[in-house]
């Protein structure tokens, strides 16, 4: 029985997701496992071997045509295949069927809405919105999904835009702040500018002032920096609740 001849620059792959990039007037492709490209781009998958079916750059994945080193050098200015794969993975276009694309967009849409619902409350009631309400509001403002950005990043964008159409604010973090006596007055004023309210007043315990504050999560790093640097380690910051939400009946989706 005669042997089937396969050219040395051809690799045959099946059940593959292709990421394509045009550079230097040529088309380059990499072969990936389905559902792994978005995981890599969002940062949840960090092992390149779990994303790439093979560490190779193709001119055409479906035909198994591997790009020549000279082509890679000319187009990318390097011939390190691993680094070129990473560049294509980050900047290339994921080739999917129209149904797959719609399914991915719908899945990301729901993930964004869920993240917004989880991080925000109605400022009037201090209670979270059902995910279905956030989804409807996103459709009402015709929010367009950006496939190359992860859901958490887009959720922050959505929060800013939705504030213009529905009552919405980030759920506050509840913190306990401990300040040394000699720094208490000065730092209390700075902390007061970051916190929305002191929920349980203030209390002196020996030579330390204890404050309980509600802050927007976006101010946490700044407050942490103030406590650590201004007190030279003598102060402390403790998270009591990641989200301060008024108790009530849970809304089941």
C-alpha atoms as a PDB file:
ATOM      1  CA  UNK A   1       0.000   0.000   0.000  1.00  0.00           C
ATOM      2  CA  UNK A   2       1.572   3.338  -1.027  1.00  0.00           C
ATOM      3  CA  UNK A   3       2.434   5.863   1.713  1.00  0.00           C
ATOM      4  CA  UNK A   4       0.609   9.174   1.779  1.00  0.00           C
ATOM      5  CA  UNK A   5       3.067  12.020   1.312  1.00  0.00           C
ATOM      6  CA  UNK A   6       2.607  15.028   3.603  1.00  0.00           C
ATOM      7  CA  UNK A   7       4.774  18.099   2.927  1.00  0.00           C
ATOM      8  CA  UNK A   8       7.084  18.971   5.851  1.00  0.00           C
ATOM      9  CA  UNK A   9       5.559  22.417   6.231  1.00  0.00           C
ATOM     10  CA  UNK A  10       2.046  21.025   6.768  1.00  0.00           C
ATOM     11  CA  UNK A  11       0.356  20.142  10.083  1.00  0.00           C
ATOM     12  CA  UNK A  12      -3.148  18.708  10.166  1.00  0.00           C
ATOM     13  CA  UNK A  13      -5.401  19.753  13.067  1.00  0.00           C
ATOM     14  CA  UNK A  14      -9.056  19.179  13.856  1.00  0.00           C
ATOM     15  CA  UNK A  15     -11.684  20.776  16.134  1.00  0.00           C
ATOM     16  CA  UNK A  16      -9.627  23.942  16.254  1.00  0.00           C
ATOM     17  CA  UNK A  17     -10.279  27.597  17.037  1.00  0.00           C
ATOM     18  CA  UNK A  18      -8.279  29.889  14.750  1.00  0.00           C
ATOM     19  CA  UNK A  19      -6.916  33.328  15.653  1.00  0.00           C
ATOM     20  CA  UNK A  20      -5.916  35.316  12.572  1.00  0.00           C
ATOM     21  CA  UNK A  21      -3.748  38.387  12.121  1.00  0.00           C
ATOM     22  CA  UNK A  22      -2.662  40.287   9.025  1.00  0.00           C
ATOM     23  CA  UNK A  23       0.809  41.794   9.171  1.00  0.00           C
ATOM     24  CA  UNK A  24       3.239  42.938   6.522  1.00  0.00           C
ATOM     25  CA  UNK A  25       0.657  42.179   3.848  1.00  0.00           C
ATOM     26  CA  UNK A  26       0.440  38.508   4.827  1.00  0.00           C
ATOM     27  CA  UNK A  27      -2.009  36.428   6.820  1.00  0.00           C
ATOM     28  CA  UNK A  28      -0.818  34.556   9.893  1.00  0.00           C
ATOM     29  CA  UNK A  29      -2.856  32.169  12.013  1.00  0.00           C
ATOM     30  CA  UNK A  30      -2.487  30.140  15.197  1.00  0.00           C
ATOM     31  CA  UNK A  31      -4.449  27.037  16.190  1.00  0.00           C
ATOM     32  CA  UNK A  32      -6.069  27.175  19.616  1.00  0.00           C
ATOM     33  CA  UNK A  33      -8.379  25.058  21.727  1.00  0.00           C
ATOM     34  CA  UNK A  34     -11.988  26.170  21.703  1.00  0.00           C
ATOM     35  CA  UNK A  35     -13.064  28.364  24.643  1.00  0.00           C
ATOM     36  CA  UNK A  36      -9.443  28.998  25.687  1.00  0.00           C
ATOM     37  CA  UNK A  37      -8.731  32.182  23.725  1.00  0.00           C
ATOM     38  CA  UNK A  38     -11.112  34.338  25.762  1.00  0.00           C
ATOM     39  CA  UNK A  39      -9.819  32.761  28.986  1.00  0.00           C
ATOM     40  CA  UNK A  40      -6.281  33.780  28.007  1.00  0.00           C
ATOM     41  CA  UNK A  41      -7.346  37.307  27.115  1.00  0.00           C
ATOM     42  CA  UNK A  42      -9.251  37.751  30.380  1.00  0.00           C
ATOM     43  CA  UNK A  43      -6.270  36.521  32.375  1.00  0.00           C
ATOM     44  CA  UNK A  44      -7.982  33.451  33.859  1.00  0.00           C
ATOM     45  CA  UNK A  45      -5.782  31.112  31.780  1.00  0.00           C
ATOM     46  CA  UNK A  46      -2.039  31.770  32.008  1.00  0.00           C
ATOM     47  CA  UNK A  47      -0.602  28.513  30.626  1.00  0.00           C
ATOM     48  CA  UNK A  48       0.062  28.979  26.908  1.00  0.00           C
ATOM     49  CA  UNK A  49       0.187  25.213  26.368  1.00  0.00           C
ATOM     50  CA  UNK A  50      -3.451  25.028  27.508  1.00  0.00           C
ATOM     51  CA  UNK A  51      -4.412  27.558  24.805  1.00  0.00           C
ATOM     52  CA  UNK A  52      -2.370  26.548  21.754  1.00  0.00           C
ATOM     53  CA  UNK A  53      -2.947  23.208  20.041  1.00  0.00           C
ATOM     54  CA  UNK A  54       0.614  23.475  18.758  1.00  0.00           C
ATOM     55  CA  UNK A  55       3.295  26.146  19.121  1.00  0.00           C
ATOM     56  CA  UNK A  56       3.373  27.072  15.441  1.00  0.00           C
ATOM     57  CA  UNK A  57       2.405  29.977  13.213  1.00  0.00           C
ATOM     58  CA  UNK A  58       0.468  29.133  10.062  1.00  0.00           C
ATOM     59  CA  UNK A  59      -0.331  30.844   6.797  1.00  0.00           C
ATOM     60  CA  UNK A  60      -3.480  28.733   6.739  1.00  0.00           C
ATOM     61  CA  UNK A  61      -4.497  26.477   9.638  1.00  0.00           C
ATOM     62  CA  UNK A  62      -7.207  24.600   7.726  1.00  0.00           C
ATOM     63  CA  UNK A  63      -4.689  23.586   5.042  1.00  0.00           C
ATOM     64  CA  UNK A  64      -1.955  22.947   7.610  1.00  0.00           C
ATOM     65  CA  UNK A  65       0.439  25.393   5.952  1.00  0.00           C
ATOM     66  CA  UNK A  66       3.119  26.502   8.423  1.00  0.00           C
ATOM     67  CA  UNK A  67       4.643  29.965   7.939  1.00  0.00           C
ATOM     68  CA  UNK A  68       8.331  30.081   7.031  1.00  0.00           C
ATOM     69  CA  UNK A  69      10.844  31.650   9.419  1.00  0.00           C
ATOM     70  CA  UNK A  70      11.803  34.245   6.818  1.00  0.00           C
ATOM     71  CA  UNK A  71       8.162  35.368   6.575  1.00  0.00           C
ATOM     72  CA  UNK A  72       7.897  35.691  10.351  1.00  0.00           C
ATOM     73  CA  UNK A  73      11.122  37.653  10.601  1.00  0.00           C
ATOM     74  CA  UNK A  74      10.042  40.041   7.867  1.00  0.00           C
ATOM     75  CA  UNK A  75       6.540  40.635   9.247  1.00  0.00           C
ATOM     76  CA  UNK A  76       7.181  40.598  13.013  1.00  0.00           C
ATOM     77  CA  UNK A  77      10.849  41.566  13.178  1.00  0.00           C
ATOM     78  CA  UNK A  78      11.592  38.328  15.043  1.00  0.00           C
ATOM     79  CA  UNK A  79      11.339  34.586  14.531  1.00  0.00           C
ATOM     80  CA  UNK A  80      10.628  33.508  18.131  1.00  0.00           C
ATOM     81  CA  UNK A  81       7.502  31.450  17.441  1.00  0.00           C
ATOM     82  CA  UNK A  82       6.274  31.479  21.042  1.00  0.00           C
ATOM     83  CA  UNK A  83       6.433  35.279  21.271  1.00  0.00           C
ATOM     84  CA  UNK A  84       4.750  35.657  17.878  1.00  0.00           C
ATOM     85  CA  UNK A  85       1.972  33.286  18.999  1.00  0.00           C
ATOM     86  CA  UNK A  86       1.418  35.478  22.063  1.00  0.00           C
ATOM     87  CA  UNK A  87       1.206  38.601  19.889  1.00  0.00           C
ATOM     88  CA  UNK A  88      -1.322  37.001  17.536  1.00  0.00           C
ATOM     89  CA  UNK A  89      -3.264  35.682  20.521  1.00  0.00           C
ATOM     90  CA  UNK A  90      -3.465  39.176  22.027  1.00  0.00           C
ATOM     91  CA  UNK A  91      -4.137  41.224  18.897  1.00  0.00           C
ATOM     92  CA  UNK A  92      -5.542  38.793  16.342  1.00  0.00           C
ATOM     93  CA  UNK A  93      -9.145  38.163  15.382  1.00  0.00           C
ATOM     94  CA  UNK A  94     -10.789  35.000  16.677  1.00  0.00           C
ATOM     95  CA  UNK A  95     -12.414  33.170  13.764  1.00  0.00           C
ATOM     96  CA  UNK A  96     -15.753  31.706  14.829  1.00  0.00           C
ATOM     97  CA  UNK A  97     -19.060  30.896  13.196  1.00  0.00           C
ATOM     98  CA  UNK A  98     -21.843  33.460  13.455  1.00  0.00           C
ATOM     99  CA  UNK A  99     -23.735  31.257  15.939  1.00  0.00           C
ATOM    100  CA  UNK A 100     -20.625  30.815  18.107  1.00  0.00           C
ATOM    101  CA  UNK A 101     -20.005  34.554  18.005  1.00  0.00           C
ATOM    102  CA  UNK A 102     -23.569  35.304  19.095  1.00  0.00           C
ATOM    103  CA  UNK A 103     -23.379  32.705  21.879  1.00  0.00           C
ATOM    104  CA  UNK A 104     -20.105  34.217  23.133  1.00  0.00           C
ATOM    105  CA  UNK A 105     -21.490  37.753  23.048  1.00  0.00           C
ATOM    106  CA  UNK A 106     -24.665  36.690  24.862  1.00  0.00           C
ATOM    107  CA  UNK A 107     -22.633  34.855  27.492  1.00  0.00           C
ATOM    108  CA  UNK A 108     -20.411  37.901  28.040  1.00  0.00           C
ATOM    109  CA  UNK A 109     -23.487  40.168  28.139  1.00  0.00           C
ATOM    110  CA  UNK A 110     -24.936  38.079  30.987  1.00  0.00           C
ATOM    111  CA  UNK A 111     -21.581  37.982  32.792  1.00  0.00           C
ATOM    112  CA  UNK A 112     -21.306  41.781  32.641  1.00  0.00           C
ATOM    113  CA  UNK A 113     -24.883  42.228  33.891  1.00  0.00           C
ATOM    114  CA  UNK A 114     -24.254  39.763  36.737  1.00  0.00           C
ATOM    115  CA  UNK A 115     -21.087  41.619  37.745  1.00  0.00           C
ATOM    116  CA  UNK A 116     -22.922  44.967  37.765  1.00  0.00           C
ATOM    117  CA  UNK A 117     -25.785  43.514  39.813  1.00  0.00           C
ATOM    118  CA  UNK A 118     -23.296  42.034  42.254  1.00  0.00           C
ATOM    119  CA  UNK A 119     -21.295  45.244  42.745  1.00  0.00           C
ATOM    120  CA  UNK A 120     -24.099  47.819  42.790  1.00  0.00           C
ATOM    121  CA  UNK A 121     -27.245  48.807  44.645  1.00  0.00           C
ATOM    122  CA  UNK A 122     -30.189  51.121  44.184  1.00  0.00           C
ATOM    123  CA  UNK A 123     -29.105  54.168  46.273  1.00  0.00           C
ATOM    124  CA  UNK A 124     -32.716  54.802  47.295  1.00  0.00           C
ATOM    125  CA  UNK A 125     -33.319  51.341  48.767  1.00  0.00           C
ATOM    126  CA  UNK A 126     -29.698  50.200  49.337  1.00  0.00           C
ATOM    127  CA  UNK A 127     -30.711  46.891  47.787  1.00  0.00           C
ATOM    128  CA  UNK A 128     -29.270  45.180  44.702  1.00  0.00           C
ATOM    129  CA  UNK A 129     -31.100  45.042  41.394  1.00  0.00           C
ATOM    130  CA  UNK A 130     -32.079  41.665  39.919  1.00  0.00           C
ATOM    131  CA  UNK A 131     -29.774  40.672  37.056  1.00  0.00           C
ATOM    132  CA  UNK A 132     -32.773  40.768  34.695  1.00  0.00           C
ATOM    133  CA  UNK A 133     -33.269  44.496  35.396  1.00  0.00           C
ATOM    134  CA  UNK A 134     -29.603  45.235  34.682  1.00  0.00           C
ATOM    135  CA  UNK A 135     -29.812  43.236  31.429  1.00  0.00           C
ATOM    136  CA  UNK A 136     -32.918  45.162  30.351  1.00  0.00           C
ATOM    137  CA  UNK A 137     -31.254  48.483  31.177  1.00  0.00           C
ATOM    138  CA  UNK A 138     -28.164  47.494  29.193  1.00  0.00           C
ATOM    139  CA  UNK A 139     -30.359  46.685  26.191  1.00  0.00           C
ATOM    140  CA  UNK A 140     -32.249  49.948  26.614  1.00  0.00           C
ATOM    141  CA  UNK A 141     -29.006  51.934  26.309  1.00  0.00           C
ATOM    142  CA  UNK A 142     -27.914  49.663  23.426  1.00  0.00           C
ATOM    143  CA  UNK A 143     -24.675  48.682  25.146  1.00  0.00           C
ATOM    144  CA  UNK A 144     -22.292  47.100  22.645  1.00  0.00           C
ATOM    145  CA  UNK A 145     -20.107  44.226  23.871  1.00  0.00           C
ATOM    146  CA  UNK A 146     -16.346  44.587  23.298  1.00  0.00           C
ATOM    147  CA  UNK A 147     -15.072  41.001  22.798  1.00  0.00           C
ATOM    148  CA  UNK A 148     -11.410  41.915  23.394  1.00  0.00           C
ATOM    149  CA  UNK A 149     -12.079  43.347  26.886  1.00  0.00           C
ATOM    150  CA  UNK A 150     -12.970  41.201  29.875  1.00  0.00           C
ATOM    151  CA  UNK A 151     -16.338  41.353  31.614  1.00  0.00           C
ATOM    152  CA  UNK A 152     -15.070  43.074  34.772  1.00  0.00           C
ATOM    153  CA  UNK A 153     -13.557  45.946  32.807  1.00  0.00           C
ATOM    154  CA  UNK A 154     -16.746  46.384  30.805  1.00  0.00           C
ATOM    155  CA  UNK A 155     -18.881  46.199  33.953  1.00  0.00           C
ATOM    156  CA  UNK A 156     -17.174  49.368  35.220  1.00  0.00           C
ATOM    157  CA  UNK A 157     -18.017  51.082  31.911  1.00  0.00           C
ATOM    158  CA  UNK A 158     -21.620  49.911  32.138  1.00  0.00           C
ATOM    159  CA  UNK A 159     -21.970  51.238  35.704  1.00  0.00           C
ATOM    160  CA  UNK A 160     -20.910  54.725  34.574  1.00  0.00           C
ATOM    161  CA  UNK A 161     -23.378  54.732  31.678  1.00  0.00           C
ATOM    162  CA  UNK A 162     -26.314  53.159  33.548  1.00  0.00           C
ATOM    163  CA  UNK A 163     -26.091  55.832  36.258  1.00  0.00           C
ATOM    164  CA  UNK A 164     -27.541  58.226  33.671  1.00  0.00           C
ATOM    165  CA  UNK A 165     -30.675  56.127  33.173  1.00  0.00           C
ATOM    166  CA  UNK A 166     -31.412  54.361  36.495  1.00  0.00           C
ATOM    167  CA  UNK A 167     -30.572  55.066  40.162  1.00  0.00           C
ATOM    168  CA  UNK A 168     -27.329  53.120  40.597  1.00  0.00           C
ATOM    169  CA  UNK A 169     -24.230  53.278  42.759  1.00  0.00           C
ATOM    170  CA  UNK A 170     -21.406  50.987  43.822  1.00  0.00           C
ATOM    171  CA  UNK A 171     -22.210  49.031  46.971  1.00  0.00           C
ATOM    172  CA  UNK A 172     -20.096  50.504  49.750  1.00  0.00           C
ATOM    173  CA  UNK A 173     -17.362  48.667  51.647  1.00  0.00           C
ATOM    174  CA  UNK A 174     -17.592  48.784  55.449  1.00  0.00           C
ATOM    175  CA  UNK A 175     -14.201  49.334  57.087  1.00  0.00           C
ATOM    176  CA  UNK A 176     -12.785  49.601  60.567  1.00  0.00           C
ATOM    177  CA  UNK A 177      -9.956  52.154  60.797  1.00  0.00           C
ATOM    178  CA  UNK A 178      -7.546  52.348  63.720  1.00  0.00           C
ATOM    179  CA  UNK A 179      -5.484  55.535  64.125  1.00  0.00           C
ATOM    180  CA  UNK A 180      -2.784  56.414  66.670  1.00  0.00           C
ATOM    181  CA  UNK A 181      -3.743  59.388  68.900  1.00  0.00           C
ATOM    182  CA  UNK A 182      -1.076  61.768  67.588  1.00  0.00           C
ATOM    183  CA  UNK A 183      -2.241  61.286  63.973  1.00  0.00           C
ATOM    184  CA  UNK A 184      -5.962  60.857  64.672  1.00  0.00           C
ATOM    185  CA  UNK A 185      -7.303  64.371  64.050  1.00  0.00           C
ATOM    186  CA  UNK A 186      -5.272  65.036  60.897  1.00  0.00           C
ATOM    187  CA  UNK A 187      -5.977  61.663  59.307  1.00  0.00           C
ATOM    188  CA  UNK A 188      -9.621  61.603  60.374  1.00  0.00           C
ATOM    189  CA  UNK A 189     -10.231  64.672  58.182  1.00  0.00           C
ATOM    190  CA  UNK A 190      -8.504  63.043  55.184  1.00  0.00           C
ATOM    191  CA  UNK A 191     -10.418  59.808  55.683  1.00  0.00           C
ATOM    192  CA  UNK A 192     -13.664  61.760  55.986  1.00  0.00           C
ATOM    193  CA  UNK A 193     -13.173  63.084  52.452  1.00  0.00           C
ATOM    194  CA  UNK A 194     -12.970  59.518  51.111  1.00  0.00           C
ATOM    195  CA  UNK A 195     -15.701  57.894  53.182  1.00  0.00           C
ATOM    196  CA  UNK A 196     -19.379  58.520  52.527  1.00  0.00           C
ATOM    197  CA  UNK A 197     -20.298  58.242  56.206  1.00  0.00           C
ATOM    198  CA  UNK A 198     -19.044  57.083  59.590  1.00  0.00           C
ATOM    199  CA  UNK A 199     -21.617  54.399  60.337  1.00  0.00           C
ATOM    200  CA  UNK A 200     -21.020  53.735  64.003  1.00  0.00           C
ATOM    201  CA  UNK A 201     -19.441  56.967  65.135  1.00  0.00           C
ATOM    202  CA  UNK A 202     -16.016  56.936  66.658  1.00  0.00           C
ATOM    203  CA  UNK A 203     -14.564  55.409  69.783  1.00  0.00           C
ATOM    204  CA  UNK A 204     -11.344  55.895  71.703  1.00  0.00           C
ATOM    205  CA  UNK A 205      -9.557  52.815  72.946  1.00  0.00           C
ATOM    206  CA  UNK A 206      -6.550  53.851  74.996  1.00  0.00           C
ATOM    207  CA  UNK A 207      -4.262  55.858  72.706  1.00  0.00           C
ATOM    208  CA  UNK A 208      -6.063  54.817  69.520  1.00  0.00           C
ATOM    209  CA  UNK A 209      -9.091  56.154  67.678  1.00  0.00           C
ATOM    210  CA  UNK A 210     -11.415  53.562  66.125  1.00  0.00           C
ATOM    211  CA  UNK A 211     -13.602  54.619  63.179  1.00  0.00           C
ATOM    212  CA  UNK A 212     -16.141  52.580  61.230  1.00  0.00           C
ATOM    213  CA  UNK A 213     -16.589  53.908  57.689  1.00  0.00           C
ATOM    214  CA  UNK A 214     -18.458  53.230  54.488  1.00  0.00           C
ATOM    215  CA  UNK A 215     -16.447  53.911  51.329  1.00  0.00           C
ATOM    216  CA  UNK A 216     -16.772  53.467  47.617  1.00  0.00           C
ATOM    217  CA  UNK A 217     -14.589  50.453  46.619  1.00  0.00           C
ATOM    218  CA  UNK A 218     -12.739  52.728  44.217  1.00  0.00           C
ATOM    219  CA  UNK A 219     -11.277  54.617  47.209  1.00  0.00           C
ATOM    220  CA  UNK A 220     -10.016  51.550  49.074  1.00  0.00           C
ATOM    221  CA  UNK A 221      -6.452  51.614  47.724  1.00  0.00           C
ATOM    222  CA  UNK A 222      -6.096  55.318  48.437  1.00  0.00           C
ATOM    223  CA  UNK A 223      -7.322  54.880  52.019  1.00  0.00           C
ATOM    224  CA  UNK A 224      -5.077  51.856  52.542  1.00  0.00           C
ATOM    225  CA  UNK A 225      -2.110  53.893  51.272  1.00  0.00           C
ATOM    226  CA  UNK A 226      -2.914  56.749  53.672  1.00  0.00           C
ATOM    227  CA  UNK A 227      -3.147  54.453  56.699  1.00  0.00           C
ATOM    228  CA  UNK A 228       0.052  52.540  55.878  1.00  0.00           C
ATOM    229  CA  UNK A 229       2.294  55.461  54.972  1.00  0.00           C
ATOM    230  CA  UNK A 230       1.022  58.263  57.202  1.00  0.00           C
ATOM    231  CA  UNK A 231       0.994  56.176  60.411  1.00  0.00           C
ATOM    232  CA  UNK A 232       4.213  54.290  59.570  1.00  0.00           C
ATOM    233  CA  UNK A 233       2.558  51.002  60.446  1.00  0.00           C
ATOM    234  CA  UNK A 234       0.938  52.197  63.681  1.00  0.00           C
ATOM    235  CA  UNK A 235      -2.523  52.357  62.113  1.00  0.00           C
ATOM    236  CA  UNK A 236      -4.697  49.557  60.760  1.00  0.00           C
ATOM    237  CA  UNK A 237      -7.425  49.024  58.196  1.00  0.00           C
ATOM    238  CA  UNK A 238      -9.838  46.107  58.469  1.00  0.00           C
ATOM    239  CA  UNK A 239     -12.552  45.158  55.967  1.00  0.00           C
ATOM    240  CA  UNK A 240     -15.757  44.358  57.872  1.00  0.00           C
ATOM    241  CA  UNK A 241     -18.002  43.897  54.831  1.00  0.00           C
ATOM    242  CA  UNK A 242     -17.081  43.893  51.147  1.00  0.00           C
ATOM    243  CA  UNK A 243     -20.596  45.141  50.374  1.00  0.00           C
ATOM    244  CA  UNK A 244     -22.911  47.067  52.676  1.00  0.00           C
ATOM    245  CA  UNK A 245     -26.425  46.145  51.513  1.00  0.00           C
ATOM    246  CA  UNK A 246     -29.700  46.620  53.305  1.00  0.00           C
ATOM    247  CA  UNK A 247     -31.168  43.308  54.410  1.00  0.00           C
ATOM    248  CA  UNK A 248     -34.370  42.209  52.748  1.00  0.00           C
ATOM    249  CA  UNK A 249     -35.898  39.390  50.788  1.00  0.00           C
ATOM    250  CA  UNK A 250     -33.593  37.961  48.181  1.00  0.00           C
ATOM    251  CA  UNK A 251     -34.788  38.174  44.607  1.00  0.00           C
ATOM    252  CA  UNK A 252     -34.336  34.823  42.909  1.00  0.00           C
ATOM    253  CA  UNK A 253     -33.746  34.821  39.172  1.00  0.00           C
END
